[in-house]
Amino acid sequence: MPQSVHITAPWPTQEEMEKRFPIPESRKKEFQALVDEFKALLSNREEASMTSIEPEERRKRASAA
């Protein structure tokens, strides 16, 4: 059985990724809009599941599923 490998290098920054994979400015704006939309949806979902009193609206634990 092969041993697992743990990579401890830090995640690349946005500037490093832009240097490695150059894309047009218009495409960057499209990507940023998608990221902003996803972050907004994710934050709303987490707030709703944490503050919800109704059991059917609360997020289920992985162990309970």
Protein backbone atom coordinates (compact mmCIF):
# COMPACT_ATOMS: atom_id res chain seq x y z
CA MET A 1 0.00 0.00 0.00
CA PRO A 2 1.54 3.37 -0.98
CA GLN A 3 2.17 5.96 1.71
CA SER A 4 0.21 9.19 1.59
CA VAL A 5 2.04 12.41 0.87
CA HIS A 6 1.26 15.67 2.66
CA ILE A 7 2.21 18.77 0.69
CA THR A 8 2.92 21.63 3.05
CA ALA A 9 3.53 24.37 0.47
CA PRO A 10 1.33 27.46 0.82
CA TRP A 11 -1.50 28.09 -1.64
CA PRO A 12 -0.42 30.34 -4.52
CA THR A 13 -1.61 33.92 -4.39
CA GLN A 14 -3.87 35.40 -7.05
CA GLU A 15 -0.92 37.35 -8.48
CA GLU A 16 1.17 34.18 -8.76
CA MET A 17 -1.65 32.40 -10.55
CA GLU A 18 -2.09 35.33 -12.94
CA LYS A 19 1.62 35.18 -13.82
CA ARG A 20 1.49 31.42 -14.37
CA PHE A 21 -1.76 31.39 -16.36
CA PRO A 22 -2.20 34.73 -18.12
CA ILE A 23 -5.80 35.54 -19.12
CA PRO A 24 -7.39 38.66 -20.66
CA GLU A 25 -8.68 41.40 -18.36
CA SER A 26 -12.28 40.90 -19.52
CA ARG A 27 -12.09 37.23 -18.57
CA LYS A 28 -10.67 38.13 -15.13
CA LYS A 29 -13.71 40.32 -14.51
CA GLU A 30 -16.04 37.46 -15.45
CA PHE A 31 -14.24 35.09 -13.09
CA GLN A 32 -14.29 37.64 -10.28
CA ALA A 33 -18.04 38.13 -10.73
CA LEU A 34 -18.56 34.36 -10.43
CA VAL A 35 -16.39 34.19 -7.31
CA ASP A 36 -18.24 37.10 -5.69
CA GLU A 37 -21.60 35.52 -6.48
CA PHE A 38 -20.51 32.16 -5.04
CA LYS A 39 -19.16 33.79 -1.87
CA ALA A 40 -22.44 35.66 -1.36
CA LEU A 41 -24.48 32.48 -1.81
CA LEU A 42 -22.22 30.50 0.50
CA SER A 43 -22.26 33.09 3.28
CA ASN A 44 -26.07 33.36 3.12
CA ARG A 45 -26.42 29.59 3.25
CA GLU A 46 -24.11 29.22 6.25
CA GLU A 47 -25.84 32.02 8.18
CA ALA A 48 -29.26 30.51 7.52
CA SER A 49 -28.26 27.01 8.57
CA MET A 50 -26.52 28.19 11.74
CA THR A 51 -29.35 30.44 12.95
CA SER A 52 -32.31 28.31 11.90
CA ILE A 53 -34.46 26.92 14.66
CA GLU A 54 -36.54 24.65 12.43
CA PRO A 55 -35.02 21.13 12.35
CA GLU A 56 -35.75 20.61 8.65
CA GLU A 57 -33.90 23.83 7.77
CA ARG A 58 -30.84 23.10 9.90
CA ARG A 59 -27.80 21.63 8.28
CA LYS A 60 -27.41 17.93 8.96
CA ARG A 61 -24.24 16.61 10.51
CA ALA A 62 -22.25 14.25 8.34
CA SER A 63 -22.39 11.57 11.04
CA ALA A 64 -26.20 11.83 11.26
CA ALA A 65 -26.77 11.45 7.53
